[in-house]
Amino acid sequence: MFRLLSDADVHAFIEADARAQMDFFYQQPGLARRTTSRNGDDWLVLTLWGSEADADACAAASSSDGAYEAFESFIDPTSVEVKRYFGLEG
């Protein structure tokens, strides 16, 4: 979950999110699904990966991708909360 910077243009963020999704995330191995949603000022990006290693590789690749950097530039870094959940086995 996260919030946008106080001066962020919401429409520009939505466009940057769509670009990051198509140009970066959908190019990552193991991506099963990604969706962005909003509840007031709170935003959530739910990303489903084939494996933890796929998620880790994407995180590493994001630091050098322009589309991802543009997406991230709208986000208040002090508001970011990342959680990982894994399926139940057996």
PDB file of N, CA and C in Angstrom:
ATOM      1  N   MET A   1       0.838  -1.159   0.000  1.00  0.00           N
ATOM      2  CA  MET A   1       0.000   0.000   0.000  1.00  0.00           C
ATOM      3  C   MET A   1       0.894   1.236   0.000  1.00  0.00           C
ATOM      4  N   PHE A   2       0.370   2.324  -0.546  1.00  0.00           N
ATOM      5  CA  PHE A   2       1.132   3.565  -0.589  1.00  0.00           C
ATOM      6  C   PHE A   2       0.198   4.739  -0.827  1.00  0.00           C
ATOM      7  N   ARG A   3       0.755   5.924  -0.698  1.00  0.00           N
ATOM      8  CA  ARG A   3       0.059   7.174  -1.026  1.00  0.00           C
ATOM      9  C   ARG A   3       0.906   7.926  -2.038  1.00  0.00           C
ATOM     10  N   LEU A   4       0.252   8.750  -2.801  1.00  0.00           N
ATOM     11  CA  LEU A   4       0.972   9.585  -3.746  1.00  0.00           C
ATOM     12  C   LEU A   4       1.537  10.799  -3.021  1.00  0.00           C
ATOM     13  N   LEU A   5       2.561  11.390  -3.615  1.00  0.00           N
ATOM     14  CA  LEU A   5       3.083  12.654  -3.091  1.00  0.00           C
ATOM     15  C   LEU A   5       1.960  13.678  -3.086  1.00  0.00           C
ATOM     16  N   SER A   6       2.004  14.609  -2.163  1.00  0.00           N
ATOM     17  CA  SER A   6       0.906  15.565  -2.001  1.00  0.00           C
ATOM     18  C   SER A   6       0.664  16.410  -3.254  1.00  0.00           C
ATOM     19  N   ASP A   7       1.677  16.652  -4.063  1.00  0.00           N
ATOM     20  CA  ASP A   7       1.507  17.465  -5.265  1.00  0.00           C
ATOM     21  C   ASP A   7       1.371  16.626  -6.543  1.00  0.00           C
ATOM     22  N   ALA A   8       1.187  15.330  -6.400  1.00  0.00           N
ATOM     23  CA  ALA A   8       1.113  14.439  -7.560  1.00  0.00           C
ATOM     24  C   ALA A   8      -0.204  14.629  -8.314  1.00  0.00           C
ATOM     25  N   ASP A   9      -0.121  14.579  -9.612  1.00  0.00           N
ATOM     26  CA  ASP A   9      -1.293  14.614 -10.489  1.00  0.00           C
ATOM     27  C   ASP A   9      -1.790  13.171 -10.639  1.00  0.00           C
ATOM     28  N   VAL A  10      -2.983  12.895 -10.142  1.00  0.00           N
ATOM     29  CA  VAL A  10      -3.520  11.532 -10.134  1.00  0.00           C
ATOM     30  C   VAL A  10      -3.625  10.973 -11.546  1.00  0.00           C
ATOM     31  N   HIS A  11      -4.097  11.771 -12.481  1.00  0.00           N
ATOM     32  CA  HIS A  11      -4.250  11.288 -13.859  1.00  0.00           C
ATOM     33  C   HIS A  11      -2.897  10.959 -14.480  1.00  0.00           C
ATOM     34  N   ALA A  12      -1.901  11.771 -14.197  1.00  0.00           N
ATOM     35  CA  ALA A  12      -0.549  11.488 -14.697  1.00  0.00           C
ATOM     36  C   ALA A  12       0.003  10.220 -14.053  1.00  0.00           C
ATOM     37  N   PHE A  13      -0.308  10.009 -12.766  1.00  0.00           N
ATOM     38  CA  PHE A  13       0.126   8.779 -12.107  1.00  0.00           C
ATOM     39  C   PHE A  13      -0.513   7.558 -12.760  1.00  0.00           C
ATOM     40  N   ILE A  14      -1.796   7.624 -13.032  1.00  0.00           N
ATOM     41  CA  ILE A  14      -2.496   6.495 -13.655  1.00  0.00           C
ATOM     42  C   ILE A  14      -1.875   6.181 -15.015  1.00  0.00           C
ATOM     43  N   GLU A  15      -1.508   7.202 -15.760  1.00  0.00           N
ATOM     44  CA  GLU A  15      -0.836   6.986 -17.048  1.00  0.00           C
ATOM     45  C   GLU A  15       0.539   6.352 -16.841  1.00  0.00           C
ATOM     46  N   ALA A  16       1.287   6.822 -15.855  1.00  0.00           N
ATOM     47  CA  ALA A  16       2.610   6.257 -15.574  1.00  0.00           C
ATOM     48  C   ALA A  16       2.486   4.812 -15.107  1.00  0.00           C
ATOM     49  N   ASP A  17       1.463   4.516 -14.334  1.00  0.00           N
ATOM     50  CA  ASP A  17       1.221   3.146 -13.884  1.00  0.00           C
ATOM     51  C   ASP A  17       0.941   2.234 -15.085  1.00  0.00           C
ATOM     52  N   ALA A  18       0.120   2.694 -16.002  1.00  0.00           N
ATOM     53  CA  ALA A  18      -0.197   1.893 -17.198  1.00  0.00           C
ATOM     54  C   ALA A  18       1.053   1.651 -18.041  1.00  0.00           C
ATOM     55  N   ARG A  19       1.891   2.681 -18.187  1.00  0.00           N
ATOM     56  CA  ARG A  19       3.142   2.511 -18.941  1.00  0.00           C
ATOM     57  C   ARG A  19       4.070   1.522 -18.246  1.00  0.00           C
ATOM     58  N   ALA A  20       4.206   1.642 -16.929  1.00  0.00           N
ATOM     59  CA  ALA A  20       5.067   0.715 -16.187  1.00  0.00           C
ATOM     60  C   ALA A  20       4.540  -0.710 -16.312  1.00  0.00           C
ATOM     61  N   GLN A  21       3.237  -0.849 -16.264  1.00  0.00           N
ATOM     62  CA  GLN A  21       2.652  -2.189 -16.375  1.00  0.00           C
ATOM     63  C   GLN A  21       2.978  -2.808 -17.735  1.00  0.00           C
ATOM     64  N   MET A  22       2.770  -2.062 -18.802  1.00  0.00           N
ATOM     65  CA  MET A  22       2.990  -2.612 -20.146  1.00  0.00           C
ATOM     66  C   MET A  22       4.478  -2.711 -20.498  1.00  0.00           C
ATOM     67  N   ASP A  23       5.226  -1.665 -20.208  1.00  0.00           N
ATOM     68  CA  ASP A  23       6.616  -1.591 -20.674  1.00  0.00           C
ATOM     69  C   ASP A  23       7.620  -2.285 -19.744  1.00  0.00           C
ATOM     70  N   PHE A  24       7.262  -2.425 -18.478  1.00  0.00           N
ATOM     71  CA  PHE A  24       8.195  -3.055 -17.540  1.00  0.00           C
ATOM     72  C   PHE A  24       7.636  -4.353 -16.954  1.00  0.00           C
ATOM     73  N   PHE A  25       6.564  -4.243 -16.182  1.00  0.00           N
ATOM     74  CA  PHE A  25       6.084  -5.417 -15.445  1.00  0.00           C
ATOM     75  C   PHE A  25       5.706  -6.581 -16.362  1.00  0.00           C
ATOM     76  N   TYR A  26       4.971  -6.309 -17.417  1.00  0.00           N
ATOM     77  CA  TYR A  26       4.544  -7.408 -18.294  1.00  0.00           C
ATOM     78  C   TYR A  26       5.707  -8.028 -19.066  1.00  0.00           C
ATOM     79  N   GLN A  27       6.876  -7.441 -18.974  1.00  0.00           N
ATOM     80  CA  GLN A  27       8.062  -8.003 -19.614  1.00  0.00           C
ATOM     81  C   GLN A  27       8.868  -8.886 -18.655  1.00  0.00           C
ATOM     82  N   GLN A  28       8.444  -8.964 -17.399  1.00  0.00           N
ATOM     83  CA  GLN A  28       9.198  -9.702 -16.388  1.00  0.00           C
ATOM     84  C   GLN A  28       8.803 -11.178 -16.355  1.00  0.00           C
ATOM     85  N   PRO A  29       9.772 -12.071 -16.335  1.00  0.00           N
ATOM     86  CA  PRO A  29       9.481 -13.504 -16.248  1.00  0.00           C
ATOM     87  C   PRO A  29       8.726 -13.836 -14.955  1.00  0.00           C
ATOM     88  N   GLY A  30       7.728 -14.685 -15.075  1.00  0.00           N
ATOM     89  CA  GLY A  30       7.007 -15.163 -13.911  1.00  0.00           C
ATOM     90  C   GLY A  30       5.825 -14.318 -13.489  1.00  0.00           C
ATOM     91  N   LEU A  31       5.571 -13.194 -14.160  1.00  0.00           N
ATOM     92  CA  LEU A  31       4.434 -12.361 -13.787  1.00  0.00           C
ATOM     93  C   LEU A  31       3.141 -13.050 -14.206  1.00  0.00           C
ATOM     94  N   ALA A  32       2.250 -13.260 -13.247  1.00  0.00           N
ATOM     95  CA  ALA A  32       0.963 -13.886 -13.543  1.00  0.00           C
ATOM     96  C   ALA A  32      -0.139 -12.833 -13.696  1.00  0.00           C
ATOM     97  N   ARG A  33      -0.109 -11.786 -12.850  1.00  0.00           N
ATOM     98  CA  ARG A  33      -1.158 -10.762 -12.880  1.00  0.00           C
ATOM     99  C   ARG A  33      -0.699  -9.567 -12.077  1.00  0.00           C
ATOM    100  N   ARG A  34      -1.121  -8.371 -12.522  1.00  0.00           N
ATOM    101  CA  ARG A  34      -0.837  -7.143 -11.789  1.00  0.00           C
ATOM    102  C   ARG A  34      -2.027  -6.225 -11.940  1.00  0.00           C
ATOM    103  N   THR A  35      -2.478  -5.660 -10.845  1.00  0.00           N
ATOM    104  CA  THR A  35      -3.586  -4.713 -10.890  1.00  0.00           C
ATOM    105  C   THR A  35      -3.376  -3.620  -9.853  1.00  0.00           C
ATOM    106  N   THR A  36      -3.841  -2.445 -10.169  1.00  0.00           N
ATOM    107  CA  THR A  36      -3.726  -1.291  -9.281  1.00  0.00           C
ATOM    108  C   THR A  36      -5.123  -0.878  -8.854  1.00  0.00           C
ATOM    109  N   SER A  37      -5.291  -0.577  -7.571  1.00  0.00           N
ATOM    110  CA  SER A  37      -6.587  -0.133  -7.077  1.00  0.00           C
ATOM    111  C   SER A  37      -6.386   0.997  -6.066  1.00  0.00           C
ATOM    112  N   ARG A  38      -7.499   1.641  -5.763  1.00  0.00           N
ATOM    113  CA  ARG A  38      -7.443   2.829  -4.910  1.00  0.00           C
ATOM    114  C   ARG A  38      -8.636   2.852  -3.969  1.00  0.00           C
ATOM    115  N   ASN A  39      -8.394   3.340  -2.748  1.00  0.00           N
ATOM    116  CA  ASN A  39      -9.443   3.591  -1.777  1.00  0.00           C
ATOM    117  C   ASN A  39      -9.131   4.948  -1.157  1.00  0.00           C
ATOM    118  N   GLY A  40      -9.748   5.989  -1.657  1.00  0.00           N
ATOM    119  CA  GLY A  40      -9.442   7.348  -1.192  1.00  0.00           C
ATOM    120  C   GLY A  40      -8.020   7.709  -1.564  1.00  0.00           C
ATOM    121  N   ASP A  41      -7.198   8.036  -0.564  1.00  0.00           N
ATOM    122  CA  ASP A  41      -5.801   8.384  -0.802  1.00  0.00           C
ATOM    123  C   ASP A  41      -4.870   7.182  -0.765  1.00  0.00           C
ATOM    124  N   ASP A  42      -5.394   6.021  -0.402  1.00  0.00           N
ATOM    125  CA  ASP A  42      -4.586   4.804  -0.326  1.00  0.00           C
ATOM    126  C   ASP A  42      -4.625   4.059  -1.656  1.00  0.00           C
ATOM    127  N   TRP A  43      -3.455   3.651  -2.106  1.00  0.00           N
ATOM    128  CA  TRP A  43      -3.314   2.896  -3.352  1.00  0.00           C
ATOM    129  C   TRP A  43      -2.720   1.535  -3.043  1.00  0.00           C
ATOM    130  N   LEU A  44      -3.058   0.562  -3.879  1.00  0.00           N
ATOM    131  CA  LEU A  44      -2.542  -0.787  -3.728  1.00  0.00           C
ATOM    132  C   LEU A  44      -2.217  -1.344  -5.109  1.00  0.00           C
ATOM    133  N   VAL A  45      -1.035  -1.918  -5.235  1.00  0.00           N
ATOM    134  CA  VAL A  45      -0.686  -2.670  -6.439  1.00  0.00           C
ATOM    135  C   VAL A  45      -0.538  -4.116  -6.006  1.00  0.00           C
ATOM    136  N   LEU A  46      -1.393  -4.969  -6.554  1.00  0.00           N
ATOM    137  CA  LEU A  46      -1.340  -6.391  -6.263  1.00  0.00           C
ATOM    138  C   LEU A  46      -0.686  -7.079  -7.456  1.00  0.00           C
ATOM    139  N   THR A  47       0.428  -7.736  -7.195  1.00  0.00           N
ATOM    140  CA  THR A  47       1.188  -8.399  -8.251  1.00  0.00           C
ATOM    141  C   THR A  47       1.353  -9.863  -7.884  1.00  0.00           C
ATOM    142  N   LEU A  48       0.929 -10.740  -8.769  1.00  0.00           N
ATOM    143  CA  LEU A  48       1.040 -12.176  -8.540  1.00  0.00           C
ATOM    144  C   LEU A  48       2.194 -12.722  -9.367  1.00  0.00           C
ATOM    145  N   TRP A  49       3.097 -13.417  -8.686  1.00  0.00           N
ATOM    146  CA  TRP A  49       4.296 -13.969  -9.318  1.00  0.00           C
ATOM    147  C   TRP A  49       4.267 -15.493  -9.305  1.00  0.00           C
ATOM    148  N   GLY A  50       4.970 -16.073 -10.244  1.00  0.00           N
ATOM    149  CA  GLY A  50       5.105 -17.519 -10.294  1.00  0.00           C
ATOM    150  C   GLY A  50       5.945 -18.061  -9.157  1.00  0.00           C
ATOM    151  N   SER A  51       6.886 -17.257  -8.668  1.00  0.00           N
ATOM    152  CA  SER A  51       7.756 -17.701  -7.577  1.00  0.00           C
ATOM    153  C   SER A  51       8.332 -16.494  -6.850  1.00  0.00           C
ATOM    154  N   GLU A  52       8.865 -16.746  -5.681  1.00  0.00           N
ATOM    155  CA  GLU A  52       9.537 -15.690  -4.924  1.00  0.00           C
ATOM    156  C   GLU A  52      10.769 -15.197  -5.690  1.00  0.00           C
ATOM    157  N   ALA A  53      11.454 -16.099  -6.365  1.00  0.00           N
ATOM    158  CA  ALA A  53      12.635 -15.715  -7.150  1.00  0.00           C
ATOM    159  C   ALA A  53      12.250 -14.758  -8.276  1.00  0.00           C
ATOM    160  N   ASP A  54      11.090 -14.969  -8.899  1.00  0.00           N
ATOM    161  CA  ASP A  54      10.620 -14.058  -9.946  1.00  0.00           C
ATOM    162  C   ASP A  54      10.372 -12.656  -9.380  1.00  0.00           C
ATOM    163  N   ALA A  55       9.753 -12.595  -8.203  1.00  0.00           N
ATOM    164  CA  ALA A  55       9.495 -11.303  -7.557  1.00  0.00           C
ATOM    165  C   ALA A  55      10.806 -10.607  -7.201  1.00  0.00           C
ATOM    166  N   ASP A  56      11.769 -11.364  -6.696  1.00  0.00           N
ATOM    167  CA  ASP A  56      13.074 -10.799  -6.354  1.00  0.00           C
ATOM    168  C   ASP A  56      13.791 -10.270  -7.593  1.00  0.00           C
ATOM    169  N   ALA A  57      13.724 -11.010  -8.690  1.00  0.00           N
ATOM    170  CA  ALA A  57      14.386 -10.581  -9.927  1.00  0.00           C
ATOM    171  C   ALA A  57      13.756  -9.303 -10.462  1.00  0.00           C
ATOM    172  N   CYS A  58      12.441  -9.194 -10.365  1.00  0.00           N
ATOM    173  CA  CYS A  58      11.770  -7.970 -10.809  1.00  0.00           C
ATOM    174  C   CYS A  58      12.190  -6.786  -9.954  1.00  0.00           C
ATOM    175  N   ALA A  59      12.245  -6.972  -8.657  1.00  0.00           N
ATOM    176  CA  ALA A  59      12.664  -5.894  -7.758  1.00  0.00           C
ATOM    177  C   ALA A  59      14.061  -5.405  -8.113  1.00  0.00           C
ATOM    178  N   ALA A  60      14.948  -6.327  -8.429  1.00  0.00           N
ATOM    179  CA  ALA A  60      16.314  -5.950  -8.807  1.00  0.00           C
ATOM    180  C   ALA A  60      16.325  -5.207 -10.134  1.00  0.00           C
ATOM    181  N   ALA A  61      15.513  -5.650 -11.087  1.00  0.00           N
ATOM    182  CA  ALA A  61      15.483  -5.027 -12.414  1.00  0.00           C
ATOM    183  C   ALA A  61      14.835  -3.648 -12.390  1.00  0.00           C
ATOM    184  N   SER A  62      13.956  -3.408 -11.429  1.00  0.00           N
ATOM    185  CA  SER A  62      13.207  -2.146 -11.412  1.00  0.00           C
ATOM    186  C   SER A  62      14.095  -0.930 -11.198  1.00  0.00           C
ATOM    187  N   SER A  63      15.228  -1.109 -10.551  1.00  0.00           N
ATOM    188  CA  SER A  63      16.075   0.041 -10.226  1.00  0.00           C
ATOM    189  C   SER A  63      16.725   0.677 -11.446  1.00  0.00           C
ATOM    190  N   SER A  64      16.690   0.013 -12.578  1.00  0.00           N
ATOM    191  CA  SER A  64      17.317   0.580 -13.777  1.00  0.00           C
ATOM    192  C   SER A  64      16.339   0.716 -14.939  1.00  0.00           C
ATOM    193  N   ASP A  65      15.042   0.745 -14.653  1.00  0.00           N
ATOM    194  CA  ASP A  65      14.043   0.841 -15.718  1.00  0.00           C
ATOM    195  C   ASP A  65      13.349   2.196 -15.691  1.00  0.00           C
ATOM    196  N   GLY A  66      13.345   2.878 -16.816  1.00  0.00           N
ATOM    197  CA  GLY A  66      12.765   4.214 -16.897  1.00  0.00           C
ATOM    198  C   GLY A  66      11.269   4.257 -16.641  1.00  0.00           C
ATOM    199  N   ALA A  67      10.518   3.295 -17.166  1.00  0.00           N
ATOM    200  CA  ALA A  67       9.068   3.268 -16.942  1.00  0.00           C
ATOM    201  C   ALA A  67       8.755   3.057 -15.471  1.00  0.00           C
ATOM    202  N   TYR A  68       9.507   2.176 -14.829  1.00  0.00           N
ATOM    203  CA  TYR A  68       9.295   1.951 -13.404  1.00  0.00           C
ATOM    204  C   TYR A  68       9.675   3.199 -12.602  1.00  0.00           C
ATOM    205  N   GLU A  69      10.785   3.820 -12.947  1.00  0.00           N
ATOM    206  CA  GLU A  69      11.216   5.030 -12.230  1.00  0.00           C
ATOM    207  C   GLU A  69      10.184   6.143 -12.357  1.00  0.00           C
ATOM    208  N   ALA A  70       9.565   6.291 -13.536  1.00  0.00           N
ATOM    209  CA  ALA A  70       8.521   7.310 -13.721  1.00  0.00           C
ATOM    210  C   ALA A  70       7.321   7.009 -12.827  1.00  0.00           C
ATOM    211  N   PHE A  71       6.903   5.736 -12.774  1.00  0.00           N
ATOM    212  CA  PHE A  71       5.816   5.310 -11.898  1.00  0.00           C
ATOM    213  C   PHE A  71       6.143   5.640 -10.439  1.00  0.00           C
ATOM    214  N   GLU A  72       7.322   5.250 -10.024  1.00  0.00           N
ATOM    215  CA  GLU A  72       7.744   5.428  -8.633  1.00  0.00           C
ATOM    216  C   GLU A  72       7.877   6.904  -8.239  1.00  0.00           C
ATOM    217  N   SER A  73       8.128   7.781  -9.199  1.00  0.00           N
ATOM    218  CA  SER A  73       8.349   9.198  -8.889  1.00  0.00           C
ATOM    219  C   SER A  73       7.104   9.885  -8.330  1.00  0.00           C
ATOM    220  N   PHE A  74       5.940   9.284  -8.481  1.00  0.00           N
ATOM    221  CA  PHE A  74       4.696   9.849  -7.958  1.00  0.00           C
ATOM    222  C   PHE A  74       4.413   9.422  -6.511  1.00  0.00           C
ATOM    223  N   ILE A  75       5.143   8.425  -6.016  1.00  0.00           N
ATOM    224  CA  ILE A  75       4.820   7.784  -4.746  1.00  0.00           C
ATOM    225  C   ILE A  75       5.593   8.410  -3.593  1.00  0.00           C
ATOM    226  N   ASP A  76       4.880   8.657  -2.492  1.00  0.00           N
ATOM    227  CA  ASP A  76       5.514   9.141  -1.262  1.00  0.00           C
ATOM    228  C   ASP A  76       6.265   7.961  -0.645  1.00  0.00           C
ATOM    229  N   PRO A  77       7.600   7.991  -0.661  1.00  0.00           N
ATOM    230  CA  PRO A  77       8.369   6.836  -0.176  1.00  0.00           C
ATOM    231  C   PRO A  77       8.155   6.532   1.301  1.00  0.00           C
ATOM    232  N   THR A  78       7.734   7.523   2.089  1.00  0.00           N
ATOM    233  CA  THR A  78       7.498   7.276   3.517  1.00  0.00           C
ATOM    234  C   THR A  78       6.199   6.518   3.757  1.00  0.00           C
ATOM    235  N   SER A  79       5.362   6.393   2.734  1.00  0.00           N
ATOM    236  CA  SER A  79       4.067   5.738   2.891  1.00  0.00           C
ATOM    237  C   SER A  79       4.053   4.291   2.401  1.00  0.00           C
ATOM    238  N   VAL A  80       5.127   3.856   1.802  1.00  0.00           N
ATOM    239  CA  VAL A  80       5.150   2.541   1.160  1.00  0.00           C
ATOM    240  C   VAL A  80       5.201   1.416   2.191  1.00  0.00           C
ATOM    241  N   GLU A  81       4.286   0.476   2.030  1.00  0.00           N
ATOM    242  CA  GLU A  81       4.265  -0.723   2.861  1.00  0.00           C
ATOM    243  C   GLU A  81       4.193  -1.922   1.917  1.00  0.00           C
ATOM    244  N   VAL A  82       5.227  -2.746   1.933  1.00  0.00           N
ATOM    245  CA  VAL A  82       5.289  -3.916   1.053  1.00  0.00           C
ATOM    246  C   VAL A  82       5.070  -5.164   1.884  1.00  0.00           C
ATOM    247  N   LYS A  83       4.173  -6.005   1.412  1.00  0.00           N
ATOM    248  CA  LYS A  83       3.930  -7.291   2.070  1.00  0.00           C
ATOM    249  C   LYS A  83       3.959  -8.375   1.006  1.00  0.00           C
ATOM    250  N   ARG A  84       4.499  -9.517   1.373  1.00  0.00           N
ATOM    251  CA  ARG A  84       4.513 -10.680   0.483  1.00  0.00           C
ATOM    252  C   ARG A  84       3.746 -11.809   1.149  1.00  0.00           C
ATOM    253  N   TYR A  85       2.911 -12.424   0.362  1.00  0.00           N
ATOM    254  CA  TYR A  85       2.136 -13.571   0.819  1.00  0.00           C
ATOM    255  C   TYR A  85       2.416 -14.731  -0.114  1.00  0.00           C
ATOM    256  N   PHE A  86       2.397 -15.926   0.427  1.00  0.00           N
ATOM    257  CA  PHE A  86       2.689 -17.115  -0.355  1.00  0.00           C
ATOM    258  C   PHE A  86       1.569 -18.126  -0.187  1.00  0.00           C
ATOM    259  N   GLY A  87       1.344 -18.904  -1.235  1.00  0.00           N
ATOM    260  CA  GLY A  87       0.294 -19.908  -1.206  1.00  0.00           C
ATOM    261  C   GLY A  87       0.568 -21.002  -0.193  1.00  0.00           C
ATOM    262  N   LEU A  88      -0.489 -21.623   0.227  1.00  0.00           N
ATOM    263  CA  LEU A  88      -0.380 -22.733   1.172  1.00  0.00           C
ATOM    264  C   LEU A  88      -0.041 -24.000   0.402  1.00  0.00           C
ATOM    265  N   GLU A  89       0.850 -24.750   0.949  1.00  0.00           N
ATOM    266  CA  GLU A  89       1.239 -26.014   0.307  1.00  0.00           C
ATOM    267  C   GLU A  89       0.657 -27.172   1.096  1.00  0.00           C
ATOM    268  N   GLY A  90       0.198 -28.167   0.344  1.00  0.00           N
ATOM    269  CA  GLY A  90      -0.197 -29.428   0.923  1.00  0.00           C
ATOM    270  C   GLY A  90      -1.425 -29.441   1.708  1.00  0.00           C
TER     271      GLY A  90
END
